[in-house]
Each structure stands twice: as structure tokens, then as C-alpha cells.
Amino acid sequence: MMHMTFYWGKNVTILFSSWRTDSWLSYAISLLVCVLFSAFYQYLEDKRLKLKNMERAKKSPSTIQTPLLIPVLGKRNLGKRFWLGLLFGVNSAIGYLLMLAVMSFNGGVFIAIVLGLVIGFVLFRCDEEEDEDLMSENPCACA
């Protein structure tokens, strides 16, 4: 039976029918995995944004030299575009998996994922030296 409201308890199915917890130990391990997976999401997001920002910093022509319409494939390295796209895709997939895990409606899973996002943000994305617009670039609520 799928819950449609938040509930508290050790019996939960997370993402897959084979990932079920029926003891407090399996529940605690599952919550730890959720925390680590959420922190890893923030780590990947940090790496993706730094790679993107590093690419921008390399080519920062003055506004006078910048053409009005920049070609999509222009002078940009296709290899870097591929890796940025791949990193974005993996990070988006992880974000959606975290959202689906929260949709198990288990209070512990919800708290574990939010705690993991906070820990990951503090560890990987909370640099005071970073530019402010780099932090707010992703409009996704879980970023």
C-alpha cells in the first residue's frame, strides 16, 4: 500500500520494490544512504557549476567584441559541451531520484534527504569566495 500522507515508521519502500526496510537496522542504513546520496548530489552540482564557471572565465571578451548572436557551436569545444551535458544529465537524474524517494512519504526519508542536501551544501557549495550568481544559477528547488 502506498501512503499518501507523511507517516513515521521503519517499514518503507524506497524507489524500488526490492528496497524495503523491515527492521530498524535496515531503516537506519537506508536513511544513511539517503543522506550520502543527497550530499553527493550537491557535490556533483558544485563540480558542474565550477566547470561551467571556469569555461566562462577563460573566454570573457568585452561587450564591444561580443557579437549579438553567438553561434550555438561557435568556438566552444564540443568535448567540454559533451561533458557538461553528461554531468548535467547525471545530476538531474540524481535529483529526480531524490524527489521520488521523498515521495515515499516517510518522515525519516524526508528528513534524511533534506539533511543530506544541507550537509552537501555546507561542505561543497557554501564558499564565500564564490560568485553570488553561481550559487543561484540553478532554478531547481533541490539544488
N, C-alpha and C. Protein backbone atom coordinates (compact mmCIF):
# COMPACT_ATOMS: atom_id res chain seq x y z
N MET A 1 0.84 -1.19 0.00
CA MET A 1 0.00 0.00 0.00
C MET A 1 0.88 1.24 0.00
N MET A 2 0.57 2.19 -0.85
CA MET A 2 1.34 3.43 -0.92
C MET A 2 0.67 4.49 -0.06
N HIS A 3 1.47 5.11 0.77
CA HIS A 3 0.96 6.17 1.63
C HIS A 3 0.82 7.46 0.84
N MET A 4 -0.20 8.21 1.15
CA MET A 4 -0.42 9.50 0.50
C MET A 4 -0.28 10.65 1.48
N THR A 5 0.10 10.35 2.71
CA THR A 5 0.40 11.36 3.73
C THR A 5 1.67 10.93 4.44
N PHE A 6 2.33 11.89 5.08
CA PHE A 6 3.55 11.55 5.80
C PHE A 6 3.23 10.59 6.94
N TYR A 7 4.11 9.64 7.10
CA TYR A 7 3.98 8.68 8.19
C TYR A 7 5.37 8.42 8.77
N TRP A 8 5.40 7.93 9.98
CA TRP A 8 6.64 7.61 10.67
C TRP A 8 6.67 6.11 10.93
N GLY A 9 7.75 5.50 10.63
CA GLY A 9 7.88 4.08 10.88
C GLY A 9 9.04 3.48 10.12
N LYS A 10 9.42 2.29 10.52
CA LYS A 10 10.58 1.64 9.92
C LYS A 10 10.24 0.88 8.65
N ASN A 11 9.00 0.63 8.39
CA ASN A 11 8.58 -0.10 7.19
C ASN A 11 8.34 0.88 6.04
N VAL A 12 9.28 0.88 5.10
CA VAL A 12 9.19 1.82 3.98
C VAL A 12 9.76 1.15 2.74
N THR A 13 9.21 1.51 1.59
CA THR A 13 9.75 1.09 0.30
C THR A 13 10.32 2.34 -0.37
N ILE A 14 11.61 2.30 -0.70
CA ILE A 14 12.28 3.47 -1.27
C ILE A 14 12.67 3.17 -2.71
N LEU A 15 12.09 3.88 -3.64
CA LEU A 15 12.38 3.85 -5.08
C LEU A 15 12.05 2.53 -5.77
N PHE A 16 12.46 1.41 -5.25
CA PHE A 16 12.27 0.12 -5.91
C PHE A 16 11.55 -0.82 -4.96
N SER A 17 10.81 -1.74 -5.52
CA SER A 17 10.10 -2.70 -4.67
C SER A 17 11.06 -3.60 -3.92
N SER A 18 12.28 -3.73 -4.42
CA SER A 18 13.27 -4.57 -3.72
C SER A 18 13.97 -3.82 -2.58
N TRP A 19 13.83 -2.49 -2.52
CA TRP A 19 14.46 -1.71 -1.45
C TRP A 19 13.41 -1.45 -0.37
N ARG A 20 13.17 -2.45 0.42
CA ARG A 20 12.21 -2.36 1.53
C ARG A 20 12.94 -2.52 2.84
N THR A 21 12.49 -1.79 3.82
CA THR A 21 13.07 -1.93 5.15
C THR A 21 12.03 -2.57 6.07
N ASP A 22 12.50 -3.50 6.88
CA ASP A 22 11.58 -4.14 7.81
C ASP A 22 12.15 -4.21 9.22
N SER A 23 13.37 -3.71 9.40
CA SER A 23 13.97 -3.65 10.74
C SER A 23 14.56 -2.26 10.94
N TRP A 24 14.84 -1.95 12.18
CA TRP A 24 15.40 -0.64 12.48
C TRP A 24 16.80 -0.50 11.88
N LEU A 25 17.56 -1.59 11.82
CA LEU A 25 18.90 -1.54 11.23
C LEU A 25 18.83 -1.24 9.74
N SER A 26 17.99 -1.94 9.01
CA SER A 26 17.87 -1.68 7.57
C SER A 26 17.31 -0.28 7.30
N TYR A 27 16.43 0.18 8.18
CA TYR A 27 15.89 1.53 8.04
C TYR A 27 16.98 2.58 8.26
N ALA A 28 17.82 2.39 9.29
CA ALA A 28 18.90 3.33 9.59
C ALA A 28 19.93 3.35 8.46
N ILE A 29 20.25 2.18 7.91
CA ILE A 29 21.20 2.12 6.80
C ILE A 29 20.61 2.81 5.57
N SER A 30 19.34 2.62 5.32
CA SER A 30 18.68 3.29 4.19
C SER A 30 18.68 4.80 4.36
N LEU A 31 18.45 5.27 5.57
CA LEU A 31 18.49 6.72 5.81
C LEU A 31 19.89 7.26 5.61
N LEU A 32 20.90 6.51 6.03
CA LEU A 32 22.29 6.93 5.82
C LEU A 32 22.61 7.00 4.33
N VAL A 33 22.13 6.04 3.56
CA VAL A 33 22.33 6.06 2.11
C VAL A 33 21.65 7.29 1.51
N CYS A 34 20.47 7.64 1.99
CA CYS A 34 19.77 8.83 1.50
C CYS A 34 20.56 10.10 1.81
N VAL A 35 21.12 10.18 3.01
CA VAL A 35 21.94 11.35 3.38
C VAL A 35 23.15 11.45 2.46
N LEU A 36 23.86 10.34 2.27
CA LEU A 36 25.07 10.35 1.44
C LEU A 36 24.74 10.66 -0.02
N PHE A 37 23.66 10.10 -0.53
CA PHE A 37 23.25 10.34 -1.91
C PHE A 37 22.88 11.81 -2.12
N SER A 38 22.24 12.42 -1.13
CA SER A 38 21.87 13.83 -1.22
C SER A 38 23.11 14.72 -1.19
N ALA A 39 24.05 14.39 -0.33
CA ALA A 39 25.29 15.16 -0.26
C ALA A 39 26.07 15.01 -1.57
N PHE A 40 26.07 13.81 -2.14
CA PHE A 40 26.74 13.58 -3.42
C PHE A 40 26.09 14.41 -4.53
N TYR A 41 24.79 14.58 -4.47
CA TYR A 41 24.09 15.43 -5.44
C TYR A 41 24.65 16.85 -5.39
N GLN A 42 24.82 17.38 -4.18
CA GLN A 42 25.36 18.74 -4.04
C GLN A 42 26.81 18.80 -4.51
N TYR A 43 27.57 17.74 -4.27
CA TYR A 43 28.97 17.69 -4.73
C TYR A 43 29.02 17.77 -6.26
N LEU A 44 28.20 16.96 -6.93
CA LEU A 44 28.18 16.99 -8.39
C LEU A 44 27.71 18.33 -8.93
N GLU A 45 26.73 18.92 -8.27
CA GLU A 45 26.24 20.24 -8.70
C GLU A 45 27.36 21.28 -8.58
N ASP A 46 28.13 21.20 -7.50
CA ASP A 46 29.25 22.12 -7.31
C ASP A 46 30.28 21.94 -8.42
N LYS A 47 30.62 20.70 -8.73
CA LYS A 47 31.61 20.45 -9.78
C LYS A 47 31.10 20.93 -11.13
N ARG A 48 29.83 20.71 -11.42
CA ARG A 48 29.27 21.14 -12.70
C ARG A 48 29.30 22.67 -12.82
N LEU A 49 28.90 23.36 -11.77
CA LEU A 49 28.88 24.82 -11.83
C LEU A 49 30.29 25.40 -11.88
N LYS A 50 31.24 24.78 -11.18
CA LYS A 50 32.62 25.27 -11.25
C LYS A 50 33.22 25.05 -12.63
N LEU A 51 32.92 23.92 -13.25
CA LEU A 51 33.40 23.65 -14.60
C LEU A 51 32.80 24.64 -15.58
N LYS A 52 31.53 24.91 -15.42
CA LYS A 52 30.87 25.88 -16.30
C LYS A 52 31.42 27.29 -16.07
N ASN A 53 31.64 27.64 -14.82
CA ASN A 53 32.17 28.96 -14.50
C ASN A 53 33.61 29.11 -14.98
N MET A 54 34.40 28.03 -14.88
CA MET A 54 35.78 28.06 -15.34
C MET A 54 35.82 28.28 -16.84
N GLU A 55 34.90 27.68 -17.55
CA GLU A 55 34.84 27.86 -19.00
C GLU A 55 34.46 29.30 -19.35
N ARG A 56 33.55 29.87 -18.58
CA ARG A 56 33.15 31.27 -18.81
C ARG A 56 34.31 32.22 -18.53
N ALA A 57 35.07 31.94 -17.48
CA ALA A 57 36.17 32.83 -17.10
C ALA A 57 37.27 32.82 -18.15
N LYS A 58 37.46 31.69 -18.83
CA LYS A 58 38.50 31.60 -19.85
C LYS A 58 38.21 32.51 -21.03
N LYS A 59 36.94 32.61 -21.38
CA LYS A 59 36.59 33.45 -22.51
C LYS A 59 35.61 34.52 -22.07
N SER A 60 36.16 35.63 -21.68
CA SER A 60 35.31 36.74 -21.25
C SER A 60 35.67 37.98 -22.06
N PRO A 61 35.27 38.01 -23.33
CA PRO A 61 35.56 39.18 -24.15
C PRO A 61 34.74 40.37 -23.68
N SER A 62 35.23 41.53 -24.01
CA SER A 62 34.48 42.71 -23.63
C SER A 62 33.17 42.74 -24.41
N THR A 63 32.24 43.51 -23.91
CA THR A 63 30.91 43.55 -24.54
C THR A 63 30.98 44.15 -25.94
N ILE A 64 31.99 44.94 -26.23
CA ILE A 64 32.12 45.54 -27.55
C ILE A 64 32.50 44.47 -28.57
N GLN A 65 33.35 43.50 -28.17
CA GLN A 65 33.80 42.48 -29.09
C GLN A 65 32.81 41.33 -29.23
N THR A 66 31.86 41.21 -28.32
CA THR A 66 30.93 40.09 -28.35
C THR A 66 29.87 40.33 -29.42
N PRO A 67 29.73 39.39 -30.35
CA PRO A 67 28.69 39.56 -31.36
C PRO A 67 27.31 39.43 -30.73
N LEU A 68 26.33 40.02 -31.39
CA LEU A 68 24.97 40.00 -30.87
C LEU A 68 24.42 38.58 -30.83
N LEU A 69 24.64 37.83 -31.87
CA LEU A 69 24.16 36.44 -31.94
C LEU A 69 25.37 35.51 -31.94
N ILE A 70 25.57 34.82 -30.83
CA ILE A 70 26.69 33.89 -30.73
C ILE A 70 26.24 32.55 -31.29
N PRO A 71 26.98 31.97 -32.22
CA PRO A 71 26.58 30.67 -32.76
C PRO A 71 26.57 29.62 -31.66
N VAL A 72 25.64 28.67 -31.77
CA VAL A 72 25.49 27.64 -30.74
C VAL A 72 26.75 26.81 -30.63
N LEU A 73 27.32 26.38 -31.74
CA LEU A 73 28.50 25.54 -31.70
C LEU A 73 29.78 26.34 -31.87
N GLY A 74 29.68 27.58 -32.16
CA GLY A 74 30.77 28.51 -32.32
C GLY A 74 32.16 28.01 -32.05
N LYS A 75 32.89 28.72 -31.22
CA LYS A 75 34.27 28.38 -30.91
C LYS A 75 34.36 27.48 -29.69
N ARG A 76 33.26 27.12 -29.14
CA ARG A 76 33.24 26.33 -27.92
C ARG A 76 33.64 24.88 -28.21
N ASN A 77 34.45 24.32 -27.35
CA ASN A 77 34.93 22.96 -27.51
C ASN A 77 33.78 21.98 -27.32
N LEU A 78 33.57 21.12 -28.33
CA LEU A 78 32.47 20.16 -28.26
C LEU A 78 32.69 19.12 -27.17
N GLY A 79 33.93 18.79 -26.87
CA GLY A 79 34.22 17.85 -25.80
C GLY A 79 33.76 18.37 -24.45
N LYS A 80 34.03 19.63 -24.19
CA LYS A 80 33.59 20.24 -22.92
C LYS A 80 32.07 20.32 -22.85
N ARG A 81 31.46 20.62 -23.99
CA ARG A 81 29.98 20.66 -24.02
C ARG A 81 29.40 19.30 -23.72
N PHE A 82 30.01 18.26 -24.27
CA PHE A 82 29.53 16.91 -24.03
C PHE A 82 29.63 16.57 -22.55
N TRP A 83 30.78 16.85 -21.93
CA TRP A 83 30.96 16.50 -20.52
C TRP A 83 30.07 17.33 -19.62
N LEU A 84 29.88 18.61 -19.96
CA LEU A 84 28.95 19.44 -19.19
C LEU A 84 27.53 18.90 -19.31
N GLY A 85 27.14 18.50 -20.51
CA GLY A 85 25.81 17.94 -20.71
C GLY A 85 25.63 16.62 -19.99
N LEU A 86 26.66 15.78 -20.04
CA LEU A 86 26.59 14.50 -19.34
C LEU A 86 26.50 14.70 -17.83
N LEU A 87 27.31 15.61 -17.31
CA LEU A 87 27.26 15.90 -15.87
C LEU A 87 25.91 16.48 -15.47
N PHE A 88 25.35 17.34 -16.32
CA PHE A 88 24.02 17.87 -16.05
C PHE A 88 22.97 16.76 -16.04
N GLY A 89 23.06 15.83 -17.00
CA GLY A 89 22.10 14.74 -17.07
C GLY A 89 22.17 13.82 -15.86
N VAL A 90 23.39 13.46 -15.45
CA VAL A 90 23.55 12.60 -14.27
C VAL A 90 23.03 13.31 -13.03
N ASN A 91 23.35 14.58 -12.90
CA ASN A 91 22.90 15.33 -11.73
C ASN A 91 21.39 15.50 -11.72
N SER A 92 20.80 15.69 -12.89
CA SER A 92 19.34 15.79 -12.95
C SER A 92 18.69 14.47 -12.58
N ALA A 93 19.26 13.36 -13.05
CA ALA A 93 18.72 12.05 -12.71
C ALA A 93 18.78 11.81 -11.21
N ILE A 94 19.89 12.17 -10.59
CA ILE A 94 20.01 12.01 -9.14
C ILE A 94 18.97 12.88 -8.43
N GLY A 95 18.79 14.11 -8.91
CA GLY A 95 17.79 14.99 -8.31
C GLY A 95 16.39 14.41 -8.38
N TYR A 96 16.04 13.84 -9.53
CA TYR A 96 14.72 13.23 -9.67
C TYR A 96 14.58 11.99 -8.80
N LEU A 97 15.64 11.20 -8.68
CA LEU A 97 15.58 10.03 -7.79
C LEU A 97 15.38 10.46 -6.34
N LEU A 98 16.03 11.55 -5.94
CA LEU A 98 15.83 12.06 -4.58
C LEU A 98 14.39 12.52 -4.38
N MET A 99 13.84 13.17 -5.40
CA MET A 99 12.44 13.60 -5.31
C MET A 99 11.50 12.40 -5.19
N LEU A 100 11.76 11.36 -5.96
CA LEU A 100 10.92 10.17 -5.88
C LEU A 100 11.07 9.46 -4.53
N ALA A 101 12.27 9.50 -3.96
CA ALA A 101 12.46 8.91 -2.63
C ALA A 101 11.66 9.68 -1.59
N VAL A 102 11.63 10.99 -1.70
CA VAL A 102 10.82 11.80 -0.77
C VAL A 102 9.35 11.45 -0.93
N MET A 103 8.96 11.09 -2.15
CA MET A 103 7.55 10.76 -2.40
C MET A 103 7.15 9.41 -1.81
N SER A 104 8.06 8.77 -1.10
CA SER A 104 7.66 7.59 -0.32
C SER A 104 6.82 8.03 0.88
N PHE A 105 6.84 9.32 1.18
CA PHE A 105 6.07 9.95 2.25
C PHE A 105 6.48 9.47 3.64
N ASN A 106 7.68 8.92 3.77
CA ASN A 106 8.17 8.54 5.08
C ASN A 106 8.89 9.75 5.67
N GLY A 107 8.55 10.12 6.89
CA GLY A 107 9.13 11.29 7.52
C GLY A 107 10.64 11.19 7.68
N GLY A 108 11.13 10.00 8.01
CA GLY A 108 12.57 9.81 8.18
C GLY A 108 13.32 9.98 6.88
N VAL A 109 12.77 9.47 5.79
CA VAL A 109 13.41 9.62 4.48
C VAL A 109 13.45 11.09 4.09
N PHE A 110 12.35 11.79 4.31
CA PHE A 110 12.30 13.22 4.00
C PHE A 110 13.37 13.98 4.78
N ILE A 111 13.45 13.74 6.08
CA ILE A 111 14.44 14.44 6.91
C ILE A 111 15.86 14.06 6.49
N ALA A 112 16.09 12.79 6.17
CA ALA A 112 17.43 12.36 5.76
C ALA A 112 17.87 13.04 4.47
N ILE A 113 16.96 13.17 3.52
CA ILE A 113 17.32 13.80 2.25
C ILE A 113 17.57 15.30 2.43
N VAL A 114 16.72 15.96 3.19
CA VAL A 114 16.94 17.38 3.44
C VAL A 114 18.24 17.59 4.22
N LEU A 115 18.50 16.75 5.20
CA LEU A 115 19.75 16.84 5.97
C LEU A 115 20.95 16.62 5.06
N GLY A 116 20.87 15.65 4.15
CA GLY A 116 21.96 15.41 3.21
C GLY A 116 22.19 16.58 2.27
N LEU A 117 21.11 17.21 1.82
CA LEU A 117 21.25 18.39 0.96
C LEU A 117 21.91 19.54 1.72
N VAL A 118 21.54 19.71 2.98
CA VAL A 118 22.14 20.77 3.79
C VAL A 118 23.61 20.47 4.02
N ILE A 119 23.94 19.24 4.40
CA ILE A 119 25.34 18.87 4.63
C ILE A 119 26.16 19.06 3.36
N GLY A 120 25.63 18.61 2.24
CA GLY A 120 26.33 18.77 0.97
C GLY A 120 26.51 20.23 0.59
N PHE A 121 25.50 21.04 0.84
CA PHE A 121 25.62 22.47 0.55
C PHE A 121 26.70 23.11 1.40
N VAL A 122 26.70 22.80 2.69
CA VAL A 122 27.69 23.40 3.59
C VAL A 122 29.10 22.93 3.23
N LEU A 123 29.25 21.66 2.90
CA LEU A 123 30.58 21.13 2.59
C LEU A 123 31.10 21.56 1.22
N PHE A 124 30.24 21.60 0.23
CA PHE A 124 30.72 21.76 -1.14
C PHE A 124 30.34 23.06 -1.82
N ARG A 125 29.26 23.69 -1.42
CA ARG A 125 28.77 24.83 -2.19
C ARG A 125 28.69 26.13 -1.42
N CYS A 126 29.15 26.16 -0.23
CA CYS A 126 28.97 27.34 0.61
C CYS A 126 30.27 28.13 0.75
N ASP A 127 30.98 28.33 -0.37
CA ASP A 127 32.21 29.11 -0.34
C ASP A 127 31.87 30.60 -0.41
N GLU A 128 32.47 31.36 0.50
CA GLU A 128 32.24 32.80 0.48
C GLU A 128 32.99 33.45 -0.68
N GLU A 129 34.02 32.76 -1.19
CA GLU A 129 34.81 33.31 -2.28
C GLU A 129 34.07 33.21 -3.61
N GLU A 130 33.11 32.32 -3.70
CA GLU A 130 32.39 32.10 -4.95
C GLU A 130 31.52 33.31 -5.29
N ASP A 131 31.22 33.42 -6.55
CA ASP A 131 30.36 34.49 -7.03
C ASP A 131 28.92 34.20 -6.63
N GLU A 132 28.16 35.21 -6.29
CA GLU A 132 26.78 35.03 -5.84
C GLU A 132 25.89 34.45 -6.93
N ASP A 133 26.09 34.86 -8.18
CA ASP A 133 25.22 34.34 -9.23
C ASP A 133 25.51 32.89 -9.56
N LEU A 134 26.68 32.39 -9.19
CA LEU A 134 26.99 30.98 -9.37
C LEU A 134 26.14 30.13 -8.45
N MET A 135 25.88 30.61 -7.24
CA MET A 135 25.09 29.86 -6.28
C MET A 135 23.63 29.80 -6.68
N SER A 136 23.13 30.85 -7.31
CA SER A 136 21.71 30.92 -7.60
C SER A 136 21.40 30.60 -9.06
N GLU A 137 22.33 29.97 -9.77
CA GLU A 137 22.11 29.73 -11.18
C GLU A 137 21.06 28.67 -11.44
N ASN A 138 21.01 27.63 -10.63
CA ASN A 138 20.09 26.53 -10.87
C ASN A 138 18.74 26.85 -10.25
N PRO A 139 17.67 26.90 -11.04
CA PRO A 139 16.36 27.25 -10.50
C PRO A 139 15.68 26.09 -9.80
N CYS A 140 16.28 24.89 -9.82
CA CYS A 140 15.67 23.72 -9.17
C CYS A 140 15.66 23.91 -7.67
N ALA A 141 14.54 23.59 -7.04
CA ALA A 141 14.40 23.81 -5.60
C ALA A 141 15.35 22.95 -4.79
N CYS A 142 15.73 21.79 -5.31
CA CYS A 142 16.59 20.91 -4.52
C CYS A 142 18.06 21.16 -4.81
N ALA A 143 18.40 22.18 -5.54
CA ALA A 143 19.81 22.42 -5.89
C ALA A 143 20.53 23.18 -4.83
